[in-house]
PDB file of N, CA and C in Angstrom:
ATOM      1  N   MET A   1      99.586  95.386 259.659  1.00  0.00           N
ATOM      2  CA  MET A   1      98.660  95.046 258.593  1.00  0.00           C
ATOM      3  C   MET A   1      99.136  95.701 257.302  1.00  0.00           C
ATOM      4  N   MET A   2      98.878  95.068 256.197  1.00  0.00           N
ATOM      5  CA  MET A   2      99.325  95.547 254.899  1.00  0.00           C
ATOM      6  C   MET A   2      98.617  96.846 254.493  1.00  0.00           C
ATOM      7  N   GLN A   3      99.366  97.782 253.928  1.00  0.00           N
ATOM      8  CA  GLN A   3      98.808  99.018 253.395  1.00  0.00           C
ATOM      9  C   GLN A   3      98.485  98.808 251.918  1.00  0.00           C
ATOM     10  N   LEU A   4      97.385  99.392 251.460  1.00  0.00           N
ATOM     11  CA  LEU A   4      96.992  99.266 250.061  1.00  0.00           C
ATOM     12  C   LEU A   4      97.560 100.422 249.244  1.00  0.00           C
ATOM     13  N   ASN A   5      98.002 100.113 248.046  1.00  0.00           N
ATOM     14  CA  ASN A   5      98.446 101.138 247.110  1.00  0.00           C
ATOM     15  C   ASN A   5      97.187 101.760 246.500  1.00  0.00           C
ATOM     16  N   ARG A   6      97.010 103.069 246.685  1.00  0.00           N
ATOM     17  CA  ARG A   6      95.784 103.737 246.226  1.00  0.00           C
ATOM     18  C   ARG A   6      95.596 103.615 244.723  1.00  0.00           C
ATOM     19  N   HIS A   7      96.662 103.817 243.965  1.00  0.00           N
ATOM     20  CA  HIS A   7      96.564 103.764 242.499  1.00  0.00           C
ATOM     21  C   HIS A   7      96.168 102.358 242.035  1.00  0.00           C
ATOM     22  N   ARG A   8      96.824 101.350 242.549  1.00  0.00           N
ATOM     23  CA  ARG A   8      96.508  99.977 242.141  1.00  0.00           C
ATOM     24  C   ARG A   8      95.097  99.579 242.556  1.00  0.00           C
ATOM     25  N   THR A   9      94.703  99.963 243.757  1.00  0.00           N
ATOM     26  CA  THR A   9      93.355  99.643 244.211  1.00  0.00           C
ATOM     27  C   THR A   9      92.333 100.351 243.329  1.00  0.00           C
ATOM     28  N   GLY A  10      92.601 101.605 242.984  1.00  0.00           N
ATOM     29  CA  GLY A  10      91.725 102.339 242.076  1.00  0.00           C
ATOM     30  C   GLY A  10      91.623 101.664 240.726  1.00  0.00           C
ATOM     31  N   LEU A  11      92.756 101.195 240.212  1.00  0.00           N
ATOM     32  CA  LEU A  11      92.739 100.498 238.926  1.00  0.00           C
ATOM     33  C   LEU A  11      91.936  99.198 238.990  1.00  0.00           C
ATOM     34  N   VAL A  12      92.097  98.446 240.065  1.00  0.00           N
ATOM     35  CA  VAL A  12      91.360  97.186 240.199  1.00  0.00           C
ATOM     36  C   VAL A  12      89.857  97.441 240.197  1.00  0.00           C
ATOM     37  N   VAL A  13      89.411  98.379 241.017  1.00  0.00           N
ATOM     38  CA  VAL A  13      87.977  98.661 241.099  1.00  0.00           C
ATOM     39  C   VAL A  13      87.489  99.283 239.789  1.00  0.00           C
ATOM     40  N   GLY A  14      88.275 100.174 239.209  1.00  0.00           N
ATOM     41  CA  GLY A  14      87.892 100.796 237.942  1.00  0.00           C
ATOM     42  C   GLY A  14      87.780  99.792 236.814  1.00  0.00           C
ATOM     43  N   VAL A  15      88.746  98.887 236.703  1.00  0.00           N
ATOM     44  CA  VAL A  15      88.694  97.866 235.658  1.00  0.00           C
ATOM     45  C   VAL A  15      87.520  96.916 235.897  1.00  0.00           C
ATOM     46  N   PHE A  16      87.254  96.588 237.159  1.00  0.00           N
ATOM     47  CA  PHE A  16      86.127  95.713 237.469  1.00  0.00           C
ATOM     48  C   PHE A  16      84.801  96.362 237.042  1.00  0.00           C
ATOM     49  N   LEU A  17      84.569  97.601 237.477  1.00  0.00           N
ATOM     50  CA  LEU A  17      83.305  98.258 237.144  1.00  0.00           C
ATOM     51  C   LEU A  17      83.203  98.561 235.650  1.00  0.00           C
ATOM     52  N   GLY A  18      84.293  99.028 235.052  1.00  0.00           N
ATOM     53  CA  GLY A  18      84.277  99.270 233.615  1.00  0.00           C
ATOM     54  C   GLY A  18      84.055  97.984 232.838  1.00  0.00           C
ATOM     55  N   GLY A  19      84.730  96.917 233.256  1.00  0.00           N
ATOM     56  CA  GLY A  19      84.565  95.615 232.601  1.00  0.00           C
ATOM     57  C   GLY A  19      83.158  95.067 232.727  1.00  0.00           C
ATOM     58  N   TRP A  20      82.560  95.267 233.899  1.00  0.00           N
ATOM     59  CA  TRP A  20      81.180  94.834 234.113  1.00  0.00           C
ATOM     60  C   TRP A  20      80.257  95.521 233.088  1.00  0.00           C
ATOM     61  N   HIS A  21      80.508  96.792 232.815  1.00  0.00           N
ATOM     62  CA  HIS A  21      79.680  97.535 231.877  1.00  0.00           C
ATOM     63  C   HIS A  21      80.041  97.240 230.420  1.00  0.00           C
ATOM     64  N   VAL A  22      81.259  96.777 230.166  1.00  0.00           N
ATOM     65  CA  VAL A  22      81.584  96.258 228.831  1.00  0.00           C
ATOM     66  C   VAL A  22      80.723  95.024 228.563  1.00  0.00           C
ATOM     67  N   ILE A  23      80.611  94.152 229.563  1.00  0.00           N
ATOM     68  CA  ILE A  23      79.777  92.948 229.423  1.00  0.00           C
ATOM     69  C   ILE A  23      78.328  93.350 229.189  1.00  0.00           C
ATOM     70  N   TRP A  24      77.815  94.302 229.996  1.00  0.00           N
ATOM     71  CA  TRP A  24      76.428  94.751 229.816  1.00  0.00           C
ATOM     72  C   TRP A  24      76.221  95.317 228.405  1.00  0.00           C
ATOM     73  N   SER A  25      77.150  96.148 227.941  1.00  0.00           N
ATOM     74  CA  SER A  25      77.034  96.735 226.604  1.00  0.00           C
ATOM     75  C   SER A  25      77.026  95.652 225.529  1.00  0.00           C
ATOM     76  N   ALA A  26      77.851  94.632 225.704  1.00  0.00           N
ATOM     77  CA  ALA A  26      77.881  93.520 224.748  1.00  0.00           C
ATOM     78  C   ALA A  26      76.553  92.759 224.766  1.00  0.00           C
ATOM     79  N   LEU A  27      75.984  92.572 225.947  1.00  0.00           N
ATOM     80  CA  LEU A  27      74.683  91.889 226.039  1.00  0.00           C
ATOM     81  C   LEU A  27      73.588  92.688 225.331  1.00  0.00           C
ATOM     82  N   VAL A  28      73.606  94.006 225.474  1.00  0.00           N
ATOM     83  CA  VAL A  28      72.626  94.839 224.772  1.00  0.00           C
ATOM     84  C   VAL A  28      72.864  94.758 223.270  1.00  0.00           C
ATOM     85  N   TRP A  29      74.140  94.791 222.872  1.00  0.00           N
ATOM     86  CA  TRP A  29      74.495  94.745 221.448  1.00  0.00           C
ATOM     87  C   TRP A  29      73.971  93.477 220.765  1.00  0.00           C
ATOM     88  N   VAL A  30      74.087  92.322 221.452  1.00  0.00           N
ATOM     89  CA  VAL A  30      73.637  91.063 220.842  1.00  0.00           C
ATOM     90  C   VAL A  30      72.160  90.780 221.093  1.00  0.00           C
ATOM     91  N   GLY A  31      71.471  91.696 221.795  1.00  0.00           N
ATOM     92  CA  GLY A  31      70.035  91.541 221.999  1.00  0.00           C
ATOM     93  C   GLY A  31      69.632  90.759 223.235  1.00  0.00           C
ATOM     94  N   TRP A  32      70.573  90.536 224.153  1.00  0.00           N
ATOM     95  CA  TRP A  32      70.260  89.756 225.356  1.00  0.00           C
ATOM     96  C   TRP A  32      70.008  90.620 226.588  1.00  0.00           C
ATOM     97  N   GLY A  33      70.077  91.952 226.437  1.00  0.00           N
ATOM     98  CA  GLY A  33      69.899  92.849 227.577  1.00  0.00           C
ATOM     99  C   GLY A  33      68.506  92.766 228.176  1.00  0.00           C
ATOM    100  N   GLN A  34      67.480  92.859 227.320  1.00  0.00           N
ATOM    101  CA  GLN A  34      66.108  92.825 227.824  1.00  0.00           C
ATOM    102  C   GLN A  34      65.770  91.496 228.482  1.00  0.00           C
ATOM    103  N   PRO A  35      66.099  90.345 227.858  1.00  0.00           N
ATOM    104  CA  PRO A  35      65.809  89.073 228.547  1.00  0.00           C
ATOM    105  C   PRO A  35      66.534  88.951 229.888  1.00  0.00           C
ATOM    106  N   LEU A  36      67.759  89.469 229.986  1.00  0.00           N
ATOM    107  CA  LEU A  36      68.488  89.405 231.246  1.00  0.00           C
ATOM    108  C   LEU A  36      67.806  90.263 232.309  1.00  0.00           C
ATOM    109  N   ILE A  37      67.433  91.488 231.948  1.00  0.00           N
ATOM    110  CA  ILE A  37      66.733  92.363 232.897  1.00  0.00           C
ATOM    111  C   ILE A  37      65.411  91.723 233.313  1.00  0.00           C
ATOM    112  N   ASP A  38      64.679  91.173 232.344  1.00  0.00           N
ATOM    113  CA  ASP A  38      63.406  90.511 232.669  1.00  0.00           C
ATOM    114  C   ASP A  38      63.622  89.376 233.668  1.00  0.00           C
ATOM    115  N   PHE A  39      64.668  88.571 233.466  1.00  0.00           N
ATOM    116  CA  PHE A  39      64.949  87.469 234.375  1.00  0.00           C
ATOM    117  C   PHE A  39      65.334  87.975 235.764  1.00  0.00           C
ATOM    118  N   ILE A  40      66.212  88.970 235.808  1.00  0.00           N
ATOM    119  CA  ILE A  40      66.662  89.501 237.101  1.00  0.00           C
ATOM    120  C   ILE A  40      65.480  90.057 237.893  1.00  0.00           C
ATOM    121  N   LEU A  41      64.620  90.824 237.238  1.00  0.00           N
ATOM    122  CA  LEU A  41      63.461  91.376 237.937  1.00  0.00           C
ATOM    123  C   LEU A  41      62.510  90.274 238.379  1.00  0.00           C
ATOM    124  N   TRP A  42      62.282  89.285 237.519  1.00  0.00           N
ATOM    125  CA  TRP A  42      61.417  88.157 237.884  1.00  0.00           C
ATOM    126  C   TRP A  42      61.981  87.425 239.102  1.00  0.00           C
ATOM    127  N   ALA A  43      63.289  87.164 239.090  1.00  0.00           N
ATOM    128  CA  ALA A  43      63.923  86.423 240.192  1.00  0.00           C
ATOM    129  C   ALA A  43      63.856  87.195 241.508  1.00  0.00           C
ATOM    130  N   HIS A  44      63.809  88.525 241.427  1.00  0.00           N
ATOM    131  CA  HIS A  44      63.702  89.343 242.627  1.00  0.00           C
ATOM    132  C   HIS A  44      62.255  89.694 242.972  1.00  0.00           C
ATOM    133  N   MET A  45      61.336  89.096 242.225  1.00  0.00           N
ATOM    134  CA  MET A  45      59.900  89.316 242.422  1.00  0.00           C
ATOM    135  C   MET A  45      59.534  90.791 242.299  1.00  0.00           C
ATOM    136  N   ILE A  46      60.117  91.460 241.292  1.00  0.00           N
ATOM    137  CA  ILE A  46      59.881  92.878 241.041  1.00  0.00           C
ATOM    138  C   ILE A  46      59.204  93.021 239.682  1.00  0.00           C
ATOM    139  N   ARG A  47      58.198  93.872 239.635  1.00  0.00           N
ATOM    140  CA  ARG A  47      57.534  94.150 238.364  1.00  0.00           C
ATOM    141  C   ARG A  47      57.618  95.647 238.088  1.00  0.00           C
ATOM    142  N   VAL A  48      58.506  95.986 237.197  1.00  0.00           N
ATOM    143  CA  VAL A  48      58.701  97.366 236.778  1.00  0.00           C
ATOM    144  C   VAL A  48      58.848  97.334 235.262  1.00  0.00           C
ATOM    145  N   PRO A  49      58.188  98.227 234.560  1.00  0.00           N
ATOM    146  CA  PRO A  49      58.278  98.181 233.086  1.00  0.00           C
ATOM    147  C   PRO A  49      59.565  98.811 232.542  1.00  0.00           C
ATOM    148  N   TYR A  50      60.714  98.186 232.785  1.00  0.00           N
ATOM    149  CA  TYR A  50      61.974  98.649 232.204  1.00  0.00           C
ATOM    150  C   TYR A  50      62.075  98.140 230.779  1.00  0.00           C
ATOM    151  N   VAL A  51      62.514  98.999 229.893  1.00  0.00           N
ATOM    152  CA  VAL A  51      62.710  98.609 228.505  1.00  0.00           C
ATOM    153  C   VAL A  51      64.143  98.961 228.120  1.00  0.00           C
ATOM    154  N   VAL A  52      64.885  97.965 227.681  1.00  0.00           N
ATOM    155  CA  VAL A  52      66.253  98.186 227.224  1.00  0.00           C
ATOM    156  C   VAL A  52      66.178  98.663 225.778  1.00  0.00           C
ATOM    157  N   GLY A  53      66.753  99.820 225.517  1.00  0.00           N
ATOM    158  CA  GLY A  53      66.721 100.396 224.177  1.00  0.00           C
ATOM    159  C   GLY A  53      67.722  99.735 223.246  1.00  0.00           C
ATOM    160  N   PRO A  54      67.745 100.187 222.012  1.00  0.00           N
ATOM    161  CA  PRO A  54      68.712  99.641 221.055  1.00  0.00           C
ATOM    162  C   PRO A  54      70.126 100.056 221.424  1.00  0.00           C
ATOM    163  N   PHE A  55      71.087  99.280 220.965  1.00  0.00           N
ATOM    164  CA  PHE A  55      72.495  99.564 221.258  1.00  0.00           C
ATOM    165  C   PHE A  55      72.888 100.908 220.662  1.00  0.00           C
ATOM    166  N   ASP A  56      73.607 101.701 221.451  1.00  0.00           N
ATOM    167  CA  ASP A  56      74.128 102.998 221.020  1.00  0.00           C
ATOM    168  C   ASP A  56      75.598 103.038 221.430  1.00  0.00           C
ATOM    169  N   GLY A  57      76.479 103.022 220.441  1.00  0.00           N
ATOM    170  CA  GLY A  57      77.916 102.968 220.711  1.00  0.00           C
ATOM    171  C   GLY A  57      78.422 104.123 221.551  1.00  0.00           C
ATOM    172  N   ALA A  58      77.939 105.338 221.289  1.00  0.00           N
ATOM    173  CA  ALA A  58      78.385 106.498 222.059  1.00  0.00           C
ATOM    174  C   ALA A  58      77.924 106.384 223.512  1.00  0.00           C
ATOM    175  N   ALA A  59      76.693 105.932 223.711  1.00  0.00           N
ATOM    176  CA  ALA A  59      76.183 105.755 225.075  1.00  0.00           C
ATOM    177  C   ALA A  59      76.974 104.672 225.797  1.00  0.00           C
ATOM    178  N   ALA A  60      77.283 103.579 225.092  1.00  0.00           N
ATOM    179  CA  ALA A  60      78.046 102.481 225.699  1.00  0.00           C
ATOM    180  C   ALA A  60      79.444 102.953 226.096  1.00  0.00           C
ATOM    181  N   ALA A  61      80.103 103.699 225.217  1.00  0.00           N
ATOM    182  CA  ALA A  61      81.446 104.199 225.522  1.00  0.00           C
ATOM    183  C   ALA A  61      81.407 105.155 226.713  1.00  0.00           C
ATOM    184  N   THR A  62      80.382 106.005 226.762  1.00  0.00           N
ATOM    185  CA  THR A  62      80.234 106.931 227.889  1.00  0.00           C
ATOM    186  C   THR A  62      80.005 106.164 229.178  1.00  0.00           C
ATOM    187  N   LEU A  63      79.114 105.179 229.145  1.00  0.00           N
ATOM    188  CA  LEU A  63      78.821 104.357 230.320  1.00  0.00           C
ATOM    189  C   LEU A  63      80.090 103.681 230.837  1.00  0.00           C
ATOM    190  N   ILE A  64      80.847 103.086 229.948  1.00  0.00           N
ATOM    191  CA  ILE A  64      82.061 102.365 230.344  1.00  0.00           C
ATOM    192  C   ILE A  64      83.092 103.326 230.928  1.00  0.00           C
ATOM    193  N   ALA A  65      83.300 104.474 230.266  1.00  0.00           N
ATOM    194  CA  ALA A  65      84.292 105.441 230.744  1.00  0.00           C
ATOM    195  C   ALA A  65      83.902 106.020 232.099  1.00  0.00           C
ATOM    196  N   VAL A  66      82.640 106.394 232.248  1.00  0.00           N
ATOM    197  CA  VAL A  66      82.192 107.002 233.507  1.00  0.00           C
ATOM    198  C   VAL A  66      82.281 106.001 234.651  1.00  0.00           C
ATOM    199  N   THR A  67      81.846 104.754 234.427  1.00  0.00           N
ATOM    200  CA  THR A  67      81.899 103.778 235.511  1.00  0.00           C
ATOM    201  C   THR A  67      83.334 103.385 235.844  1.00  0.00           C
ATOM    202  N   ALA A  68      84.206 103.333 234.839  1.00  0.00           N
ATOM    203  CA  ALA A  68      85.611 103.022 235.122  1.00  0.00           C
ATOM    204  C   ALA A  68      86.260 104.143 235.938  1.00  0.00           C
ATOM    205  N   LEU A  69      85.984 105.386 235.573  1.00  0.00           N
ATOM    206  CA  LEU A  69      86.531 106.515 236.338  1.00  0.00           C
ATOM    207  C   LEU A  69      85.946 106.576 237.743  1.00  0.00           C
ATOM    208  N   ALA A  70      84.650 106.330 237.861  1.00  0.00           N
ATOM    209  CA  ALA A  70      84.023 106.305 239.186  1.00  0.00           C
ATOM    210  C   ALA A  70      84.621 105.171 240.017  1.00  0.00           C
ATOM    211  N   GLY A  71      84.838 104.023 239.397  1.00  0.00           N
ATOM    212  CA  GLY A  71      85.454 102.897 240.101  1.00  0.00           C
ATOM    213  C   GLY A  71      86.855 103.220 240.570  1.00  0.00           C
ATOM    214  N   TYR A  72      87.611 103.929 239.728  1.00  0.00           N
ATOM    215  CA  TYR A  72      88.964 104.332 240.115  1.00  0.00           C
ATOM    216  C   TYR A  72      88.911 105.222 241.358  1.00  0.00           C
ATOM    217  N   ALA A  73      88.004 106.196 241.341  1.00  0.00           N
ATOM    218  CA  ALA A  73      87.862 107.100 242.490  1.00  0.00           C
ATOM    219  C   ALA A  73      87.411 106.338 243.734  1.00  0.00           C
ATOM    220  N   ILE A  74      86.474 105.436 243.572  1.00  0.00           N
ATOM    221  CA  ILE A  74      86.001 104.623 244.700  1.00  0.00           C
ATOM    222  C   ILE A  74      87.149 103.788 245.261  1.00  0.00           C
ATOM    223  N   GLY A  75      87.952 103.202 244.384  1.00  0.00           N
ATOM    224  CA  GLY A  75      89.094 102.402 244.826  1.00  0.00           C
ATOM    225  C   GLY A  75      90.093 103.220 245.624  1.00  0.00           C
ATOM    226  N   ILE A  76      90.354 104.447 245.185  1.00  0.00           N
ATOM    227  CA  ILE A  76      91.264 105.327 245.922  1.00  0.00           C
ATOM    228  C   ILE A  76      90.717 105.612 247.313  1.00  0.00           C
ATOM    229  N   VAL A  77      89.433 105.930 247.381  1.00  0.00           N
ATOM    230  CA  VAL A  77      88.809 106.228 248.674  1.00  0.00           C
ATOM    231  C   VAL A  77      88.835 104.994 249.577  1.00  0.00           C
ATOM    232  N   LEU A  78      88.518 103.824 249.027  1.00  0.00           N
ATOM    233  CA  LEU A  78      88.557 102.597 249.827  1.00  0.00           C
ATOM    234  C   LEU A  78      89.959 102.314 250.350  1.00  0.00           C
ATOM    235  N   ALA A  79      90.972 102.509 249.502  1.00  0.00           N
ATOM    236  CA  ALA A  79      92.356 102.294 249.944  1.00  0.00           C
ATOM    237  C   ALA A  79      92.741 103.285 251.042  1.00  0.00           C
ATOM    238  N   LEU A  80      92.325 104.541 250.895  1.00  0.00           N
ATOM    239  CA  LEU A  80      92.619 105.536 251.934  1.00  0.00           C
ATOM    240  C   LEU A  80      91.980 105.135 253.261  1.00  0.00           C
ATOM    241  N   ILE A  81      90.716 104.734 253.208  1.00  0.00           N
ATOM    242  CA  ILE A  81      90.019 104.313 254.432  1.00  0.00           C
ATOM    243  C   ILE A  81      90.705 103.092 255.034  1.00  0.00           C
ATOM    244  N   TRP A  82      91.023 102.114 254.193  1.00  0.00           N
ATOM    245  CA  TRP A  82      91.711 100.900 254.663  1.00  0.00           C
ATOM    246  C   TRP A  82      93.026 101.271 255.356  1.00  0.00           C
ATOM    247  N   ASN A  83      93.806 102.117 254.692  1.00  0.00           N
ATOM    248  CA  ASN A  83      95.114 102.486 255.232  1.00  0.00           C
ATOM    249  C   ASN A  83      94.990 103.250 256.555  1.00  0.00           C
ATOM    250  N   ILE A  84      93.985 104.087 256.674  1.00  0.00           N
ATOM    251  CA  ILE A  84      93.764 104.810 257.938  1.00  0.00           C
ATOM    252  C   ILE A  84      93.372 103.838 259.047  1.00  0.00           C
ATOM    253  N   LEU A  85      92.487 102.916 258.749  1.00  0.00           N
ATOM    254  CA  LEU A  85      92.003 101.977 259.748  1.00  0.00           C
ATOM    255  C   LEU A  85      93.028 100.906 260.122  1.00  0.00           C
ATOM    256  N   HIS A  86      94.034 100.709 259.280  1.00  0.00           N
ATOM    257  CA  HIS A  86      95.024  99.670 259.533  1.00  0.00           C
ATOM    258  C   HIS A  86      96.431 100.228 259.719  1.00  0.00           C
ATOM    259  N   ARG A  87      96.528 101.395 260.300  1.00  0.00           N
ATOM    260  CA  ARG A  87      97.843 101.984 260.581  1.00  0.00           C
ATOM    261  C   ARG A  87      98.543 101.170 261.654  1.00  0.00           C
ATOM    262  N   GLU A  88      99.842 101.152 261.538  1.00  0.00           N
ATOM    263  CA  GLU A  88     100.661 100.479 262.559  1.00  0.00           C
ATOM    264  C   GLU A  88     100.630 101.303 263.836  1.00  0.00           C
ATOM    265  N   SER A  89     100.470 100.651 264.940  1.00  0.00           N
ATOM    266  CA  SER A  89     100.504 101.347 266.240  1.00  0.00           C
ATOM    267  C   SER A  89     101.951 101.695 266.589  1.00  0.00           C
ATOM    268  N   PRO A  90     102.175 102.897 267.182  1.00  0.00           N
ATOM    269  CA  PRO A  90     103.561 103.281 267.529  1.00  0.00           C
ATOM    270  C   PRO A  90     104.125 102.462 268.662  1.00  0.00           C
TER     271      PRO A  90
END
């Protein structure tokens, strides 16, 4: 079975999670964050008074950086687990 490269897997997951939060930050910036949250909660039949605040560039940059780094770490761990579980038998 194929072994995963830890660095590349970390980058893929990190870019995915960071990119997802770039999209979220852009939605908040253009004013679509609250309507999206309202729709998601409605579709899941959840009623919670979440309020999306105004766009804050420093908060957005922190969110993106932290989630990208967390994604990188998660990707490394997933690759390690995959590689352990898919070792070649002697």
